[in-house]
Amino acid sequence: MQRSRTLAIPMALAFTIGITAPLQADTLRIAIMGEPASLDPHKISGTWENDVVGDLFEGLVTEAADGTRIPGAAESWEISDDGTVYTFTLRDDAKWSDGEPVTADDFTFAFQRILTPATAADYAYLLYPIKNAEAVYTGEADPSSLGVEALTPSTLQITLERSTPYFLDQLSHYTAYPVPSHVVEAYGNEWSRPSNMVSNGAFQLQEWQSQTRITATRNPYFHDADNVALDEVVYLPIEERNTALNRFRAGEIHIARDFPTHQYGWLMDNLPEAVQVAPYLGIYYYAFNARDGHATADPRVREALSLAVRRDVITDQILGTGEQPAYSFVPPSVNHYSAPTASFTELSQEERLQRAHELLQEAGYGPDNPLELMLRYNTSEDHRKVAIAIAAMWKPLGVEVDLYNAEVAVHYSDIRQGDFDVARAGWIGDYNDAQNFLSLLESDVSNNYGAYSSPEFDTLMNEAANTQDMDARAELMAEAEAIVLEDSATLPIYYYVSRNLVSPDLVGWESTIEDIHRSRWIRFDH
């Protein structure tokens, strides 16, 4: 998910060895990967936004420093024997940053709000396991029918359509965060502005200078405020990775979320104690526009383009930080699932190109009618390099590619509207389950950027959702994934690794497969 110009700075000046002391010991400065579209949990969909919003808010369940799920705004819960009813007891000291109590009604209000069609939340479908959630989102049912009920001010009950093994993990995601009903009702869509926002997380919003900085300070009403070491967190939206690296080197930031892959060797030689690279629950892929009027609506064209991409060249020669070539959409590290792989993996590169030529000819493309494509990517040196490499790999097929880049929020807005033929995309698991990845290709899902649709795939995914046996469920999802691989619904390119630069002066950062790091756990070692 949800990155491209190169700075003309001499390397000897840009990388003077040694990290200067932090400017202020109780202020953490983080370079996030883009400008947030919003700080309203119901209006976001990116990992860079999660870095901020996850510090400001806390769901019923939250993440420990090592990524395990622990009680958040709820101190405890009970689950019915059939796995469909969850009853949560909120903390007695759960409060908003204005001192008002966080109540079960705030959660009921939030769940109803994100699923109301007028909210137009891109991520609302993550909550479809809740009873009547999909019907509410599509306007077929009233929000009051949603299976979320405040039994008492401190007791919340959530009823599901069916037993959902990953539901507790889902509740730590920002789609399940509470929002302050008393503030939203007072200010409407302006509630998330710095002058209006209140939150229930470890930090509270102080300022937001667009494209410059977001500042949050410790929330004195947070239930665990005594154990939060930082007084302030400053988030700097820096899409250009070289810029973030230079500012890290200058001591202006303490954490850089991602770094330029071409500097990996230098960093390991000179700053190995700052480099954090780890397996990551994510897929880097290209979306194909399957809408009428686009050449990529033809599965033969999609397959030809996929066949011609040398994924190993991208991972080994262009990136080189441990990424693995992707021949399935679901990453190999997903729990209780074995992904099928694309059928062409046994073919040599020569055989793949020959087949690609044949498919394009069958689709009506050739020297007299070259295939012309618009390829969009979001601003990042790595994304630019990958796009240029793939365009070069398609050139022997006679494909002409126009490259377009935009900053991250604009990029995803454009591709959701279908303004592309091929578009760079990425997905980081919101919870460790194959469904979280495969659901991106279900019909009418907002994050299905290419508008791919297969009734057979949808039927299998629905059947899997209603299957309680974990082995049988995994088999159904694997069968569904085999369909999208056969259709070349997307172009999987590589499986992510997380790449971060973390100052050695910090304590509390732990690499996790989801690469989630809440600032409440971080402190300076001094």
Protein backbone atom coordinates (compact mmCIF):
# COMPACT_ATOMS: atom_id res chain seq x y z
CA MET A 1 0.00 0.00 0.00
CA GLN A 2 -0.41 2.02 0.17
CA ARG A 3 5.93 6.28 -3.28
CA SER A 4 10.10 9.94 -7.37
CA ARG A 5 12.88 12.03 -7.80
CA THR A 6 16.47 11.53 -6.67
CA LEU A 7 18.25 14.20 -4.64
CA ALA A 8 21.26 15.71 -6.32
CA ILE A 9 23.46 15.61 -3.21
CA PRO A 10 27.03 14.29 -3.28
CA MET A 11 27.20 11.00 -1.45
CA ALA A 12 30.17 12.06 0.64
CA LEU A 13 28.13 14.97 2.02
CA ALA A 14 24.84 13.10 2.31
CA PHE A 15 26.22 10.28 4.42
CA THR A 16 28.63 11.61 6.98
CA ILE A 17 29.07 8.73 9.40
CA GLY A 18 27.56 9.14 12.85
CA ILE A 19 24.15 10.13 14.15
CA THR A 20 23.94 13.34 16.12
CA ALA A 21 22.17 13.49 19.46
CA PRO A 22 18.38 13.88 19.43
CA LEU A 23 17.15 17.46 19.56
CA GLN A 24 14.85 16.84 22.52
CA ALA A 25 15.01 13.70 24.61
CA ASP A 26 11.26 13.41 25.23
CA THR A 27 10.19 14.15 21.63
CA LEU A 28 10.15 11.30 19.13
CA ARG A 29 10.40 12.31 15.47
CA ILE A 30 9.14 9.81 12.90
CA ALA A 31 9.32 10.08 9.12
CA ILE A 32 6.09 8.50 7.89
CA MET A 33 5.67 7.52 4.24
CA GLY A 34 3.13 10.09 3.10
CA GLU A 35 0.61 12.77 3.95
CA PRO A 36 -2.47 11.28 5.65
CA ALA A 37 -5.74 11.71 3.79
CA SER A 38 -7.37 12.21 7.20
CA LEU A 39 -6.92 11.43 10.88
CA ASP A 40 -10.51 10.24 11.16
CA PRO A 41 -10.24 6.43 11.57
CA HIS A 42 -13.20 6.02 9.22
CA LYS A 43 -11.60 8.03 6.42
CA ILE A 44 -8.22 6.32 6.01
CA SER A 45 -6.80 3.19 4.40
CA GLY A 46 -2.99 3.41 4.57
CA THR A 47 -0.15 2.09 6.70
CA TRP A 48 1.34 5.60 6.97
CA GLU A 49 -1.95 6.87 8.40
CA ASN A 50 -2.03 3.96 10.83
CA ASP A 51 1.29 5.16 12.30
CA VAL A 52 -0.46 8.32 13.49
CA VAL A 53 -4.03 7.22 14.13
CA GLY A 54 -2.85 4.14 16.04
CA ASP A 55 -1.11 6.44 18.53
CA LEU A 56 -4.17 8.66 18.90
CA PHE A 57 -6.79 5.94 19.35
CA GLU A 58 -7.15 2.55 20.97
CA GLY A 59 -9.63 -0.17 20.10
CA LEU A 60 -11.15 -2.81 22.35
CA VAL A 61 -8.04 -4.86 21.59
CA THR A 62 -4.59 -3.39 20.89
CA GLU A 63 -1.02 -4.42 20.06
CA ALA A 64 1.83 -5.04 22.46
CA ALA A 65 5.34 -4.01 21.45
CA ASP A 66 5.94 -7.47 19.96
CA GLY A 67 2.70 -7.36 17.96
CA THR A 68 0.68 -9.75 20.10
CA ARG A 69 -2.92 -8.73 20.82
CA ILE A 70 -3.63 -7.52 24.33
CA PRO A 71 -6.59 -5.80 26.05
CA GLY A 72 -7.04 -2.19 24.97
CA ALA A 73 -10.04 -0.07 25.88
CA ALA A 74 -11.66 -3.32 27.06
CA GLU A 75 -10.16 -4.89 30.14
CA SER A 76 -11.71 -8.31 29.43
CA TRP A 77 -14.16 -10.19 27.23
CA GLU A 78 -16.15 -13.40 27.02
CA ILE A 79 -16.92 -15.38 23.86
CA SER A 80 -19.97 -17.60 23.48
CA ASP A 81 -19.48 -21.33 22.93
CA ASP A 82 -20.45 -21.05 19.26
CA GLY A 83 -18.00 -18.17 18.69
CA THR A 84 -20.64 -15.68 17.53
CA VAL A 85 -21.21 -13.43 20.57
CA TYR A 86 -18.44 -11.33 22.15
CA THR A 87 -19.15 -9.45 25.38
CA PHE A 88 -16.60 -6.80 26.34
CA THR A 89 -16.13 -5.07 29.66
CA LEU A 90 -14.59 -1.61 29.25
CA ARG A 91 -11.96 -0.30 31.63
CA ASP A 92 -13.23 1.83 34.51
CA ASP A 93 -10.52 4.39 33.67
CA ALA A 94 -11.11 4.47 29.90
CA LYS A 95 -11.39 8.18 29.05
CA TRP A 96 -11.24 10.56 26.13
CA SER A 97 -8.50 13.17 26.09
CA ASP A 98 -11.01 15.77 27.31
CA GLY A 99 -11.66 13.69 30.43
CA GLU A 100 -15.05 12.34 29.36
CA PRO A 101 -15.52 8.57 29.87
CA VAL A 102 -15.25 6.19 26.93
CA THR A 103 -18.53 4.29 26.93
CA ALA A 104 -20.04 1.33 25.13
CA ASP A 105 -22.26 3.85 23.34
CA ASP A 106 -19.14 5.41 21.79
CA PHE A 107 -18.28 2.05 20.24
CA THR A 108 -21.86 1.49 19.08
CA PHE A 109 -21.86 4.95 17.53
CA ALA A 110 -18.50 4.32 15.82
CA PHE A 111 -19.45 0.95 14.34
CA GLN A 112 -22.73 2.34 13.03
CA ARG A 113 -21.00 5.43 11.62
CA ILE A 114 -18.30 3.60 9.66
CA LEU A 115 -20.90 1.27 8.15
CA THR A 116 -23.38 4.01 7.23
CA PRO A 117 -23.30 4.43 3.42
CA ALA A 118 -22.95 8.20 3.74
CA THR A 119 -19.60 7.79 5.51
CA ALA A 120 -18.23 6.06 2.38
CA ALA A 121 -15.53 4.27 4.37
CA ASP A 122 -13.21 2.35 2.04
CA TYR A 123 -12.42 -0.19 4.73
CA ALA A 124 -15.93 -0.83 6.05
CA TYR A 125 -16.01 -4.29 4.52
CA LEU A 126 -13.49 -5.49 7.11
CA LEU A 127 -16.36 -5.39 9.59
CA TYR A 128 -18.68 -7.60 7.54
CA PRO A 129 -18.33 -10.48 10.02
CA ILE A 130 -20.59 -8.44 12.34
CA LYS A 131 -24.28 -9.30 12.07
CA ASN A 132 -26.07 -7.15 9.46
CA ALA A 133 -22.89 -5.14 8.74
CA GLU A 134 -22.98 -5.68 4.99
CA ALA A 135 -26.71 -4.97 4.83
CA VAL A 136 -26.20 -1.70 6.72
CA TYR A 137 -23.30 -0.67 4.46
CA THR A 138 -25.30 -1.33 1.29
CA GLY A 139 -28.29 0.57 2.64
CA GLU A 140 -30.50 -2.51 2.90
CA ALA A 141 -30.78 -2.32 6.69
CA ASP A 142 -30.98 0.44 9.27
CA PRO A 143 -27.80 1.06 11.33
CA SER A 144 -29.77 0.24 14.47
CA SER A 145 -29.98 -3.39 13.28
CA LEU A 146 -26.19 -3.78 13.45
CA GLY A 147 -25.06 -6.53 15.81
CA VAL A 148 -23.35 -4.09 18.19
CA GLU A 149 -25.17 -3.20 21.41
CA ALA A 150 -24.34 -1.26 24.56
CA LEU A 151 -25.75 -3.42 27.37
CA THR A 152 -24.53 -0.95 30.01
CA PRO A 153 -22.23 2.09 29.80
CA SER A 154 -19.27 -0.25 30.34
CA THR A 155 -20.53 -3.42 28.62
CA LEU A 156 -20.49 -3.87 24.86
CA GLN A 157 -21.86 -6.91 23.04
CA ILE A 158 -20.98 -7.74 19.44
CA THR A 159 -22.86 -10.47 17.58
CA LEU A 160 -21.36 -11.98 14.43
CA GLU A 161 -22.95 -13.51 11.37
CA ARG A 162 -20.84 -16.60 11.98
CA SER A 163 -17.83 -17.67 14.01
CA THR A 164 -14.80 -15.71 12.75
CA PRO A 165 -11.41 -16.98 13.97
CA TYR A 166 -9.58 -13.69 13.33
CA PHE A 167 -12.19 -11.34 14.81
CA LEU A 168 -10.20 -10.30 17.88
CA ASP A 169 -7.28 -9.39 15.62
CA GLN A 170 -9.66 -7.31 13.52
CA LEU A 171 -10.71 -5.34 16.58
CA SER A 172 -7.19 -3.91 16.93
CA HIS A 173 -7.49 -2.39 13.44
CA TYR A 174 -8.44 1.28 13.10
CA THR A 175 -11.79 0.40 11.51
CA ALA A 176 -12.83 -0.79 14.97
CA TYR A 177 -11.58 2.24 16.91
CA PRO A 178 -14.16 4.22 18.90
CA VAL A 179 -14.87 7.82 17.99
CA PRO A 180 -16.14 10.37 20.53
CA SER A 181 -19.86 10.64 19.83
CA HIS A 182 -20.16 13.89 21.81
CA VAL A 183 -17.52 15.55 19.63
CA VAL A 184 -18.60 14.11 16.28
CA GLU A 185 -22.18 15.18 16.95
CA ALA A 186 -20.99 18.67 17.84
CA TYR A 187 -18.62 19.26 14.92
CA GLY A 188 -19.66 16.80 12.20
CA ASN A 189 -16.89 16.12 9.67
CA GLU A 190 -14.78 18.86 11.29
CA TRP A 191 -14.41 16.81 14.48
CA SER A 192 -10.96 15.47 13.53
CA ARG A 193 -9.34 18.91 13.16
CA PRO A 194 -6.66 19.64 15.79
CA SER A 195 -8.81 22.28 17.47
CA ASN A 196 -11.70 19.83 17.87
CA MET A 197 -10.34 16.28 18.08
CA VAL A 198 -10.33 14.26 21.25
CA SER A 199 -9.02 10.71 21.29
CA ASN A 200 -8.61 7.79 23.67
CA GLY A 201 -5.10 6.61 22.83
CA ALA A 202 -1.74 7.25 24.44
CA PHE A 203 -1.39 10.57 22.58
CA GLN A 204 -3.63 13.49 21.62
CA LEU A 205 -3.46 15.66 18.51
CA GLN A 206 -1.94 19.13 18.89
CA GLU A 207 -1.27 20.39 15.37
CA TRP A 208 -1.33 19.34 11.73
CA GLN A 209 0.57 21.42 9.20
CA SER A 210 -0.32 19.87 5.86
CA GLN A 211 2.62 18.22 4.08
CA THR A 212 4.92 19.38 6.91
CA ARG A 213 4.27 17.86 10.32
CA ILE A 214 1.73 16.38 12.70
CA THR A 215 2.33 16.79 16.41
CA ALA A 216 0.80 14.75 19.22
CA THR A 217 1.41 15.01 22.95
CA ARG A 218 0.97 12.51 25.73
CA ASN A 219 -2.68 12.06 26.71
CA PRO A 220 -2.88 12.51 30.51
CA TYR A 221 -6.24 10.70 30.59
CA PHE A 222 -4.92 7.54 28.89
CA HIS A 223 -5.41 4.55 31.18
CA ASP A 224 -1.71 3.65 31.05
CA ALA A 225 -0.34 7.20 30.88
CA ASP A 226 2.09 6.61 33.76
CA ASN A 227 3.94 4.07 31.64
CA VAL A 228 4.16 6.21 28.51
CA ALA A 229 7.68 7.67 28.44
CA LEU A 230 7.37 10.14 25.56
CA ASP A 231 5.95 13.61 26.02
CA GLU A 232 5.55 14.30 22.32
CA VAL A 233 5.60 12.58 18.93
CA VAL A 234 6.20 14.50 15.70
CA TYR A 235 5.24 12.75 12.45
CA LEU A 236 6.91 14.09 9.30
CA PRO A 237 5.31 13.03 5.99
CA ILE A 238 8.33 12.33 3.75
CA GLU A 239 7.62 10.29 0.64
CA GLU A 240 11.13 10.65 -0.80
CA ARG A 241 13.19 7.97 0.96
CA ASN A 242 16.53 9.66 0.28
CA THR A 243 15.26 12.77 2.04
CA ALA A 244 14.19 10.72 5.06
CA LEU A 245 17.56 8.98 5.13
CA ASN A 246 19.46 12.28 5.01
CA ARG A 247 17.37 13.71 7.83
CA PHE A 248 17.92 10.53 9.86
CA ARG A 249 21.66 10.88 9.29
CA ALA A 250 21.50 14.50 10.40
CA GLY A 251 19.78 13.52 13.66
CA GLU A 252 16.59 15.38 12.74
CA ILE A 253 14.46 12.23 12.99
CA HIS A 254 14.75 9.12 15.12
CA ILE A 255 12.74 6.66 13.00
CA ALA A 256 12.48 6.48 9.22
CA ARG A 257 9.68 4.24 8.02
CA ASP A 258 11.46 2.67 5.04
CA PHE A 259 14.76 3.58 3.41
CA PRO A 260 16.17 3.51 -0.15
CA THR A 261 16.99 -0.05 -1.11
CA HIS A 262 20.07 1.03 -3.05
CA GLN A 263 21.60 2.26 0.23
CA TYR A 264 21.15 -1.05 2.04
CA GLY A 265 24.76 -2.17 1.60
CA TRP A 266 26.12 1.17 2.74
CA LEU A 267 23.82 1.22 5.74
CA MET A 268 24.83 -2.28 6.80
CA ASP A 269 28.49 -1.30 6.54
CA ASN A 270 28.17 2.00 8.37
CA LEU A 271 24.99 1.98 10.50
CA PRO A 272 24.14 -1.68 11.11
CA GLU A 273 22.77 -0.90 14.58
CA ALA A 274 20.11 1.36 13.03
CA VAL A 275 18.93 -0.97 10.26
CA GLN A 276 15.79 -2.99 10.99
CA VAL A 277 14.84 -5.42 8.19
CA ALA A 278 12.35 -8.20 8.90
CA PRO A 279 9.77 -10.48 7.20
CA TYR A 280 6.58 -8.57 6.51
CA LEU A 281 3.00 -9.68 6.01
CA GLY A 282 2.53 -7.97 2.66
CA ILE A 283 2.39 -8.24 -1.14
CA TYR A 284 3.70 -5.72 -3.69
CA TYR A 285 1.67 -6.04 -6.86
CA TYR A 286 0.33 -4.31 -9.94
CA ALA A 287 -3.43 -3.98 -10.33
CA PHE A 288 -4.89 -4.58 -13.79
CA ASN A 289 -7.91 -2.49 -14.76
CA ALA A 290 -10.61 -5.01 -15.72
CA ARG A 291 -13.19 -2.34 -16.57
CA ASP A 292 -14.63 -2.20 -20.09
CA GLY A 293 -12.60 -0.07 -22.47
CA HIS A 294 -9.21 -1.06 -21.06
CA ALA A 295 -6.93 -3.52 -22.84
CA THR A 296 -6.25 -5.13 -19.46
CA ALA A 297 -9.91 -6.21 -19.27
CA ASP A 298 -8.77 -9.08 -21.56
CA PRO A 299 -7.31 -11.93 -19.45
CA ARG A 300 -5.00 -12.83 -22.34
CA VAL A 301 -3.37 -9.41 -22.10
CA ARG A 302 -3.04 -9.69 -18.33
CA GLU A 303 -1.45 -13.13 -18.59
CA ALA A 304 1.00 -11.96 -21.26
CA LEU A 305 2.09 -9.01 -19.13
CA SER A 306 2.52 -11.25 -16.09
CA LEU A 307 4.54 -13.83 -18.03
CA ALA A 308 7.06 -11.23 -19.18
CA VAL A 309 7.94 -9.88 -15.72
CA ARG A 310 11.16 -11.28 -14.29
CA ARG A 311 10.40 -11.03 -10.61
CA ASP A 312 13.79 -12.39 -9.55
CA VAL A 313 15.53 -9.53 -11.35
CA ILE A 314 13.42 -7.05 -9.41
CA THR A 315 14.03 -8.65 -6.02
CA ASP A 316 17.72 -9.50 -6.46
CA GLN A 317 19.10 -6.77 -8.71
CA ILE A 318 16.82 -3.76 -8.22
CA LEU A 319 15.86 -4.09 -4.54
CA GLY A 320 18.24 -6.51 -2.87
CA THR A 321 17.01 -6.26 0.72
CA GLY A 322 15.60 -9.78 1.09
CA GLU A 323 12.31 -9.51 -0.83
CA GLN A 324 11.05 -12.76 -2.37
CA PRO A 325 9.52 -13.10 -5.88
CA ALA A 326 5.74 -13.50 -5.71
CA TYR A 327 3.87 -16.11 -7.73
CA SER A 328 0.75 -16.08 -5.56
CA PHE A 329 -1.32 -13.25 -4.12
CA VAL A 330 -1.32 -14.46 -0.51
CA PRO A 331 2.14 -14.25 1.14
CA PRO A 332 3.73 -17.49 2.37
CA SER A 333 3.83 -16.32 6.02
CA VAL A 334 0.04 -16.32 6.44
CA ASN A 335 -1.29 -18.59 9.18
CA HIS A 336 -3.04 -21.87 8.38
CA TYR A 337 -2.86 -21.51 4.63
CA SER A 338 -0.85 -22.90 1.73
CA ALA A 339 -1.14 -20.72 -1.35
CA PRO A 340 -1.30 -22.12 -4.88
CA THR A 341 1.20 -20.67 -7.36
CA ALA A 342 0.87 -19.41 -10.92
CA SER A 343 0.92 -22.21 -13.50
CA PHE A 344 3.79 -20.71 -15.50
CA THR A 345 6.40 -21.04 -12.76
CA GLU A 346 7.78 -24.23 -14.34
CA LEU A 347 8.36 -22.53 -17.69
CA SER A 348 11.72 -21.09 -18.71
CA GLN A 349 11.91 -17.37 -19.39
CA GLU A 350 12.15 -18.07 -23.10
CA GLU A 351 9.01 -20.19 -22.95
CA ARG A 352 7.20 -17.50 -20.97
CA LEU A 353 8.02 -14.83 -23.55
CA GLN A 354 6.97 -17.07 -26.42
CA ARG A 355 3.63 -17.71 -24.74
CA ALA A 356 3.24 -13.98 -24.01
CA HIS A 357 3.74 -13.15 -27.70
CA GLU A 358 1.12 -15.72 -28.67
CA LEU A 359 -1.42 -14.35 -26.18
CA LEU A 360 -1.01 -10.76 -27.35
CA GLN A 361 -1.42 -11.85 -30.97
CA GLU A 362 -4.60 -13.71 -30.04
CA ALA A 363 -5.84 -10.54 -28.36
CA GLY A 364 -5.20 -8.54 -31.54
CA TYR A 365 -1.96 -6.75 -30.70
CA GLY A 366 1.19 -6.67 -32.78
CA PRO A 367 3.47 -4.35 -34.80
CA ASP A 368 0.49 -2.81 -36.63
CA ASN A 369 -1.52 -2.41 -33.44
CA PRO A 370 0.86 -2.04 -30.49
CA LEU A 371 -0.49 -2.40 -26.99
CA GLU A 372 -0.41 1.00 -25.24
CA LEU A 373 -0.72 1.19 -21.47
CA MET A 374 -0.91 3.81 -18.74
CA LEU A 375 1.08 2.63 -15.71
CA ARG A 376 0.57 4.61 -12.51
CA TYR A 377 2.77 4.46 -9.41
CA ASN A 378 3.03 6.54 -6.25
CA THR A 379 6.07 8.66 -5.58
CA SER A 380 9.11 6.66 -4.47
CA GLU A 381 12.49 5.99 -6.00
CA ASP A 382 11.95 2.24 -5.61
CA HIS A 383 8.51 2.35 -7.23
CA ARG A 384 9.99 4.35 -10.12
CA LYS A 385 12.80 1.85 -10.61
CA VAL A 386 10.40 -1.10 -10.56
CA ALA A 387 8.08 0.63 -13.04
CA ILE A 388 10.94 1.43 -15.42
CA ALA A 389 12.24 -2.14 -15.19
CA ILE A 390 8.84 -3.68 -15.88
CA ALA A 391 8.22 -1.33 -18.80
CA ALA A 392 11.56 -2.52 -20.22
CA MET A 393 10.55 -6.16 -19.70
CA TRP A 394 7.34 -5.51 -21.67
CA LYS A 395 9.14 -3.74 -24.52
CA PRO A 396 10.14 -6.97 -26.36
CA LEU A 397 6.40 -7.70 -26.58
CA GLY A 398 5.89 -4.41 -28.43
CA VAL A 399 4.13 -2.83 -25.43
CA GLU A 400 4.33 0.94 -25.17
CA VAL A 401 4.09 2.23 -21.61
CA ASP A 402 3.36 5.75 -20.37
CA LEU A 403 4.46 6.19 -16.74
CA TYR A 404 2.57 8.48 -14.37
CA ASN A 405 3.43 9.14 -10.74
CA ALA A 406 1.67 11.04 -7.97
CA GLU A 407 1.96 11.41 -4.23
CA VAL A 408 0.39 8.58 -2.34
CA ALA A 409 -3.04 10.00 -1.44
CA VAL A 410 -3.64 11.25 -5.00
CA HIS A 411 -2.41 7.97 -6.47
CA TYR A 412 -4.85 5.81 -4.56
CA SER A 413 -7.70 8.23 -5.16
CA ASP A 414 -7.04 8.09 -8.92
CA ILE A 415 -6.80 4.33 -9.17
CA ARG A 416 -9.96 3.82 -7.09
CA GLN A 417 -11.69 5.84 -9.78
CA GLY A 418 -10.31 3.55 -12.48
CA ASP A 419 -7.99 6.08 -14.15
CA PHE A 420 -5.27 3.61 -15.17
CA ASP A 421 -4.50 0.46 -17.13
CA VAL A 422 -1.87 -0.89 -14.75
CA ALA A 423 -1.21 0.55 -11.27
CA ARG A 424 1.26 -0.07 -8.52
CA ALA A 425 -0.39 -1.25 -5.31
CA GLY A 426 0.57 -2.98 -2.11
CA TRP A 427 -1.24 -4.67 0.70
CA ILE A 428 -0.12 -5.18 4.26
CA GLY A 429 -2.17 -7.67 6.24
CA ASP A 430 -4.58 -6.10 8.71
CA TYR A 431 -4.70 -9.48 10.42
CA ASN A 432 -2.88 -12.72 9.76
CA ASP A 433 -5.38 -14.58 7.62
CA ALA A 434 -5.60 -15.36 3.90
CA GLN A 435 -9.09 -13.84 3.75
CA ASN A 436 -7.64 -10.38 4.38
CA PHE A 437 -5.70 -10.60 1.10
CA LEU A 438 -8.17 -12.50 -1.07
CA SER A 439 -11.05 -10.23 -0.06
CA LEU A 440 -9.36 -7.49 -2.12
CA LEU A 441 -10.48 -9.32 -5.26
CA GLU A 442 -14.10 -9.84 -4.30
CA SER A 443 -16.61 -7.99 -6.47
CA ASP A 444 -17.54 -4.45 -5.42
CA VAL A 445 -14.89 -4.14 -2.69
CA SER A 446 -13.52 -0.58 -2.67
CA ASN A 447 -9.89 -1.72 -2.49
CA ASN A 448 -10.41 -3.94 -5.54
CA TYR A 449 -8.73 -1.25 -7.62
CA GLY A 450 -9.04 -3.04 -10.94
CA ALA A 451 -12.73 -3.93 -10.46
CA TYR A 452 -11.96 -7.60 -11.09
CA SER A 453 -15.08 -9.75 -10.79
CA SER A 454 -15.54 -13.51 -10.81
CA PRO A 455 -18.82 -15.04 -9.58
CA GLU A 456 -17.05 -18.37 -9.04
CA PHE A 457 -14.38 -16.71 -6.91
CA ASP A 458 -17.01 -14.80 -4.90
CA THR A 459 -18.99 -17.98 -4.30
CA LEU A 460 -15.95 -19.84 -2.97
CA MET A 461 -14.98 -16.95 -0.70
CA ASN A 462 -18.52 -16.79 0.67
CA GLU A 463 -18.49 -20.55 1.23
CA ALA A 464 -15.16 -20.24 3.05
CA ALA A 465 -16.61 -17.50 5.26
CA ASN A 466 -19.36 -19.89 6.33
CA THR A 467 -17.03 -22.85 6.97
CA GLN A 468 -15.96 -23.43 10.55
CA ASP A 469 -13.49 -26.25 9.88
CA MET A 470 -10.15 -24.46 9.46
CA ASP A 471 -8.68 -27.04 7.07
CA ALA A 472 -11.75 -27.05 4.84
CA ARG A 473 -11.86 -23.26 4.95
CA ALA A 474 -8.21 -23.03 3.84
CA GLU A 475 -8.87 -25.44 0.96
CA LEU A 476 -11.79 -23.33 -0.26
CA MET A 477 -9.71 -20.16 -0.19
CA ALA A 478 -6.85 -21.89 -2.01
CA GLU A 479 -9.33 -22.99 -4.68
CA ALA A 480 -10.53 -19.40 -4.93
CA GLU A 481 -6.98 -18.09 -5.23
CA ALA A 482 -6.26 -20.57 -8.01
CA ILE A 483 -9.07 -18.91 -10.00
CA VAL A 484 -7.61 -15.41 -9.71
CA LEU A 485 -4.15 -16.72 -10.59
CA GLU A 486 -5.54 -18.44 -13.67
CA ASP A 487 -7.31 -15.19 -14.61
CA SER A 488 -4.16 -13.12 -13.94
CA ALA A 489 -6.46 -10.86 -11.94
CA THR A 490 -3.41 -9.02 -10.60
CA LEU A 491 0.33 -9.10 -11.18
CA PRO A 492 2.02 -10.23 -7.92
CA ILE A 493 5.62 -9.00 -7.98
CA TYR A 494 7.25 -9.62 -4.61
CA TYR A 495 6.59 -10.27 -0.93
CA TYR A 496 7.60 -7.40 1.27
CA VAL A 497 10.16 -7.13 3.97
CA SER A 498 9.79 -4.25 6.42
CA ARG A 499 12.62 -1.72 6.23
CA ASN A 500 13.12 0.83 8.98
CA LEU A 501 15.88 2.99 10.36
CA VAL A 502 15.67 3.22 14.15
CA SER A 503 18.00 5.28 16.29
CA PRO A 504 20.11 3.17 18.66
CA ASP A 505 19.10 5.68 21.34
CA LEU A 506 15.60 4.18 21.38
CA VAL A 507 14.32 1.30 23.48
CA GLY A 508 11.05 -0.56 22.92
CA TRP A 509 11.09 -1.05 19.16
CA GLU A 510 10.54 -4.70 18.19
CA SER A 511 10.39 -6.00 14.63
CA THR A 512 7.04 -7.67 13.94
CA ILE A 513 5.53 -9.40 10.91
CA GLU A 514 2.87 -6.66 10.68
CA ASP A 515 5.41 -3.83 11.20
CA ILE A 516 3.13 -2.09 13.71
CA HIS A 517 4.94 0.00 16.30
CA ARG A 518 2.97 2.07 18.79
CA SER A 519 4.83 5.00 20.29
CA ARG A 520 3.50 4.22 23.77
CA TRP A 521 6.09 1.42 24.03
CA ILE A 522 9.10 3.49 22.91
CA ARG A 523 11.46 5.49 25.09
CA PHE A 524 14.92 7.00 24.92
CA ASP A 525 17.77 5.09 26.55
CA HIS A 526 19.33 7.82 28.63
